[in-house]
Amino acid sequence: MIIEPIAADLDLDEVEGALLRAAVGDYAAEAAVLLLANHGYWLARLRAAGLITVEPEPVGRQLWARIEWAELDAALAEGRLPAARRSWRCFGWQSASPTADRSTSPTWW
């Protein structure tokens, strides 16, 4: 039985590495991961809120990760991701409404 890893079981360096591995080649995604990681606040919060999904690659079993952007509003509204309204602008959104249009949200990682 293989137990799949979850982001909460990894330290932040491993989460950052997994996110960067998944973003390689997409410069915007790489920059976004580095901005979140260098900020020192958001990766830990996103991980604690369960908004980072980790998967091992089929060959080599290196970890890849993605941020579940579609779940961000719900996490903010439910209080799983505590943040001041001004902090939401970091993600480019003005509200935490689950009905808000997220057509411009990053989906590539």
C-alpha atoms as a PDB file:
ATOM      1  CA  MET A   1       0.000   0.000   0.000  1.00  0.00           C
ATOM      2  CA  ILE A   2       1.432   3.358  -1.058  1.00  0.00           C
ATOM      3  CA  ILE A   3       0.448   6.299   1.089  1.00  0.00           C
ATOM      4  CA  GLU A   4       0.128   9.468  -0.962  1.00  0.00           C
ATOM      5  CA  PRO A   5       1.794  12.520   0.573  1.00  0.00           C
ATOM      6  CA  ILE A   6      -0.142  15.586   1.629  1.00  0.00           C
ATOM      7  CA  ALA A   7       1.258  19.094   1.825  1.00  0.00           C
ATOM      8  CA  ALA A   8       0.688  19.298   5.589  1.00  0.00           C
ATOM      9  CA  ASP A   9       3.195  16.444   6.047  1.00  0.00           C
ATOM     10  CA  LEU A  10       5.948  18.314   4.202  1.00  0.00           C
ATOM     11  CA  ASP A  11       8.117  21.178   5.357  1.00  0.00           C
ATOM     12  CA  LEU A  12       7.803  24.466   3.484  1.00  0.00           C
ATOM     13  CA  ASP A  13      11.006  23.898   1.505  1.00  0.00           C
ATOM     14  CA  GLU A  14       9.606  20.626   0.156  1.00  0.00           C
ATOM     15  CA  VAL A  15       6.289  22.295  -0.716  1.00  0.00           C
ATOM     16  CA  GLU A  16       8.103  25.135  -2.477  1.00  0.00           C
ATOM     17  CA  GLY A  17      10.254  22.642  -4.387  1.00  0.00           C
ATOM     18  CA  ALA A  18       7.214  20.636  -5.465  1.00  0.00           C
ATOM     19  CA  LEU A  19       5.406  23.792  -6.622  1.00  0.00           C
ATOM     20  CA  LEU A  20       8.472  24.937  -8.564  1.00  0.00           C
ATOM     21  CA  ARG A  21       8.880  21.511 -10.203  1.00  0.00           C
ATOM     22  CA  ALA A  22       5.314  21.743 -11.459  1.00  0.00           C
ATOM     23  CA  ALA A  23       5.845  25.310 -12.691  1.00  0.00           C
ATOM     24  CA  VAL A  24       9.125  24.729 -14.564  1.00  0.00           C
ATOM     25  CA  GLY A  25       8.980  26.183 -18.046  1.00  0.00           C
ATOM     26  CA  ASP A  26       6.074  28.514 -17.272  1.00  0.00           C
ATOM     27  CA  TYR A  27       7.864  31.676 -16.212  1.00  0.00           C
ATOM     28  CA  ALA A  28       4.730  33.329 -14.830  1.00  0.00           C
ATOM     29  CA  ALA A  29       3.985  30.290 -12.667  1.00  0.00           C
ATOM     30  CA  GLU A  30       7.593  30.105 -11.466  1.00  0.00           C
ATOM     31  CA  ALA A  31       7.548  33.804 -10.572  1.00  0.00           C
ATOM     32  CA  ALA A  32       4.252  33.437  -8.721  1.00  0.00           C
ATOM     33  CA  VAL A  33       5.564  30.513  -6.655  1.00  0.00           C
ATOM     34  CA  LEU A  34       8.725  32.436  -5.808  1.00  0.00           C
ATOM     35  CA  LEU A  35       6.738  35.545  -4.842  1.00  0.00           C
ATOM     36  CA  LEU A  36       4.522  33.512  -2.516  1.00  0.00           C
ATOM     37  CA  ALA A  37       7.489  31.634  -1.055  1.00  0.00           C
ATOM     38  CA  ASN A  38       9.661  34.710  -0.566  1.00  0.00           C
ATOM     39  CA  HIS A  39       6.823  36.567   1.097  1.00  0.00           C
ATOM     40  CA  GLY A  40       7.134  34.076   3.947  1.00  0.00           C
ATOM     41  CA  TYR A  41       3.443  34.085   4.846  1.00  0.00           C
ATOM     42  CA  TRP A  42       1.260  32.648   2.134  1.00  0.00           C
ATOM     43  CA  LEU A  43       2.736  29.202   1.465  1.00  0.00           C
ATOM     44  CA  ALA A  44       2.402  28.246   5.124  1.00  0.00           C
ATOM     45  CA  ARG A  45      -1.167  29.595   5.234  1.00  0.00           C
ATOM     46  CA  LEU A  46      -2.171  27.907   1.986  1.00  0.00           C
ATOM     47  CA  ARG A  47      -0.673  24.629   3.194  1.00  0.00           C
ATOM     48  CA  ALA A  48      -2.436  24.864   6.587  1.00  0.00           C
ATOM     49  CA  ALA A  49      -5.755  25.586   4.854  1.00  0.00           C
ATOM     50  CA  GLY A  50      -5.400  22.473   2.688  1.00  0.00           C
ATOM     51  CA  LEU A  51      -5.149  24.494  -0.520  1.00  0.00           C
ATOM     52  CA  ILE A  52      -1.962  22.864  -1.786  1.00  0.00           C
ATOM     53  CA  THR A  53      -2.273  19.463  -3.407  1.00  0.00           C
ATOM     54  CA  VAL A  54       0.826  17.288  -3.676  1.00  0.00           C
ATOM     55  CA  GLU A  55       1.193  14.390  -6.089  1.00  0.00           C
ATOM     56  CA  PRO A  56       4.159  12.147  -6.854  1.00  0.00           C
ATOM     57  CA  GLU A  57       5.033  11.903 -10.529  1.00  0.00           C
ATOM     58  CA  PRO A  58       4.396   8.411 -11.960  1.00  0.00           C
ATOM     59  CA  VAL A  59       8.059   7.843 -12.852  1.00  0.00           C
ATOM     60  CA  GLY A  60      10.700   8.780 -10.315  1.00  0.00           C
ATOM     61  CA  ARG A  61       8.138   9.628  -7.629  1.00  0.00           C
ATOM     62  CA  GLN A  62       9.348  13.231  -7.301  1.00  0.00           C
ATOM     63  CA  LEU A  63       6.700  15.417  -5.718  1.00  0.00           C
ATOM     64  CA  TRP A  64       4.751  17.962  -7.728  1.00  0.00           C
ATOM     65  CA  ALA A  65       2.285  20.387  -6.185  1.00  0.00           C
ATOM     66  CA  ARG A  66      -0.399  22.825  -7.192  1.00  0.00           C
ATOM     67  CA  ILE A  67      -2.358  25.519  -5.426  1.00  0.00           C
ATOM     68  CA  GLU A  68      -6.105  24.929  -5.512  1.00  0.00           C
ATOM     69  CA  TRP A  69      -7.056  28.431  -6.649  1.00  0.00           C
ATOM     70  CA  ALA A  70     -10.695  27.469  -7.211  1.00  0.00           C
ATOM     71  CA  GLU A  71     -11.069  26.762  -3.486  1.00  0.00           C
ATOM     72  CA  LEU A  72      -9.464  30.016  -2.306  1.00  0.00           C
ATOM     73  CA  ASP A  73     -12.666  32.047  -1.950  1.00  0.00           C
ATOM     74  CA  ALA A  74     -14.409  29.317   0.018  1.00  0.00           C
ATOM     75  CA  ALA A  75     -11.414  28.995   2.343  1.00  0.00           C
ATOM     76  CA  LEU A  76     -11.428  32.755   2.965  1.00  0.00           C
ATOM     77  CA  ALA A  77     -15.189  32.847   3.525  1.00  0.00           C
ATOM     78  CA  GLU A  78     -15.110  29.827   5.879  1.00  0.00           C
ATOM     79  CA  GLY A  79     -12.192  31.225   7.872  1.00  0.00           C
ATOM     80  CA  ARG A  80      -9.815  28.368   6.947  1.00  0.00           C
ATOM     81  CA  LEU A  81      -7.501  30.967   5.441  1.00  0.00           C
ATOM     82  CA  PRO A  82      -7.474  33.940   7.766  1.00  0.00           C
ATOM     83  CA  ALA A  83      -6.436  37.101   5.965  1.00  0.00           C
ATOM     84  CA  ALA A  84      -7.230  40.763   6.033  1.00  0.00           C
ATOM     85  CA  ARG A  85      -9.169  42.127   3.067  1.00  0.00           C
ATOM     86  CA  ARG A  86      -6.097  44.048   1.898  1.00  0.00           C
ATOM     87  CA  SER A  87      -4.184  40.754   1.749  1.00  0.00           C
ATOM     88  CA  TRP A  88      -6.631  39.335  -0.806  1.00  0.00           C
ATOM     89  CA  ARG A  89      -5.255  41.796  -3.326  1.00  0.00           C
ATOM     90  CA  CYS A  90      -2.107  39.646  -3.336  1.00  0.00           C
ATOM     91  CA  PHE A  91      -4.219  37.167  -5.286  1.00  0.00           C
ATOM     92  CA  GLY A  92      -5.783  39.839  -7.485  1.00  0.00           C
ATOM     93  CA  TRP A  93      -9.275  39.568  -5.991  1.00  0.00           C
ATOM     94  CA  GLN A  94     -11.340  42.144  -4.189  1.00  0.00           C
ATOM     95  CA  SER A  95     -13.833  39.865  -2.454  1.00  0.00           C
ATOM     96  CA  ALA A  96     -14.091  36.427  -0.952  1.00  0.00           C
ATOM     97  CA  SER A  97     -17.409  35.680  -2.587  1.00  0.00           C
ATOM     98  CA  PRO A  98     -17.743  32.093  -3.860  1.00  0.00           C
ATOM     99  CA  THR A  99     -19.819  33.464  -6.743  1.00  0.00           C
ATOM    100  CA  ALA A 100     -17.175  35.929  -7.908  1.00  0.00           C
ATOM    101  CA  ASP A 101     -15.816  35.506 -11.443  1.00  0.00           C
ATOM    102  CA  ARG A 102     -12.510  33.649 -11.350  1.00  0.00           C
ATOM    103  CA  SER A 103     -12.016  33.337 -15.088  1.00  0.00           C
ATOM    104  CA  THR A 104      -8.642  35.057 -14.725  1.00  0.00           C
ATOM    105  CA  SER A 105      -7.393  32.898 -11.859  1.00  0.00           C
ATOM    106  CA  PRO A 106      -4.150  31.006 -12.427  1.00  0.00           C
ATOM    107  CA  THR A 107      -4.921  27.403 -13.262  1.00  0.00           C
ATOM    108  CA  TRP A 108      -1.553  26.244 -14.439  1.00  0.00           C
ATOM    109  CA  TRP A 109      -0.170  25.073 -11.092  1.00  0.00           C
END
